[in-house]
Amino acid sequence: MVRMNLQFDEDINLDVINSNIIKSLMNTHHVFMEDESGLRVYYLVDAYDRYFMSWIDDLAEYSLPIVDELAAYAVTDDQGDMEIDEKFFERRRLPSITVATCRIFYTVKHHRNQGLQRKAFREINKYADEFSEAYSIFSDPFVIKDGEYTNERNARHAIVKLATNHYEQAPNYMQELDKQRKRFLSYGLKNCKYTNAEVTNEYQSFLYCPETASEDVKELVKRLEVSYELKRRDEI
């Protein structure tokens, strides 16, 4: 697709970007890059300035924890002791995958409830399927703090507001988390274990497995998938 009247940050070197999803999105979005703690963060702004995303290339590595593999081959001997079946050492080893991560998806306030996020994820998934490339996103609802910068007329203003005022957890966080998780699941993502998580919980990690992925990748995602149902305190 040809870029038309879209701004492109000339500091971006396409040759160092491994993700074809990110490179494809650059053809339909305004794009610029920021260096944040040594990471190249790509900001992709909707052509009509209604939302923005930030992506990091090759950020998250997903692999099957060895303890999970051992559990699948655990057997009990005649004395009731646990041991590992010899088939464990002959098993088909599933590969780890390192994927690009959509770190932020933010829709400007007066453009919400128009299906923009769903439409954007249809585009992302189309590229993921085309290039057989998985990607990840983490559910962590936030709001941009009120502060010195108050303008949020469009997505680029929202980025400046975020950089100036910073962010905080969304009010009614668990309720918003539940809604966001359900949206991600409806887009075709899977809630998967992410063993390298430092600040998120297992129920916040989501992975998209493309329809065109190899059988090994499909098996890995299937083995990593978890299921959670979040409840309000008054429902427990």
Foldseek 3Di string as FASTA:
>chain_A
DAADPAAEAPVDDPVPAPDPLVVVLVSQFRWDWDQDPNFTWIWGAGPVQFKIWIKTGQDAKAADDPVLLQVVQWDADPVRDIDGDPCSVVDDGFDIDGGMEGEDIGGQPVPPPPCPVLVVLVSSLVSCQVVQGKYKYFQFAKDQDDDDQDDRPGHVSVVVSCVVRNIDGDPVNLVSSQVVLVVCVVSQWFQFAGPPDDPDDSRGMTMHGHPNHDPSVVVSRVSGGDDDDDDDPVVD
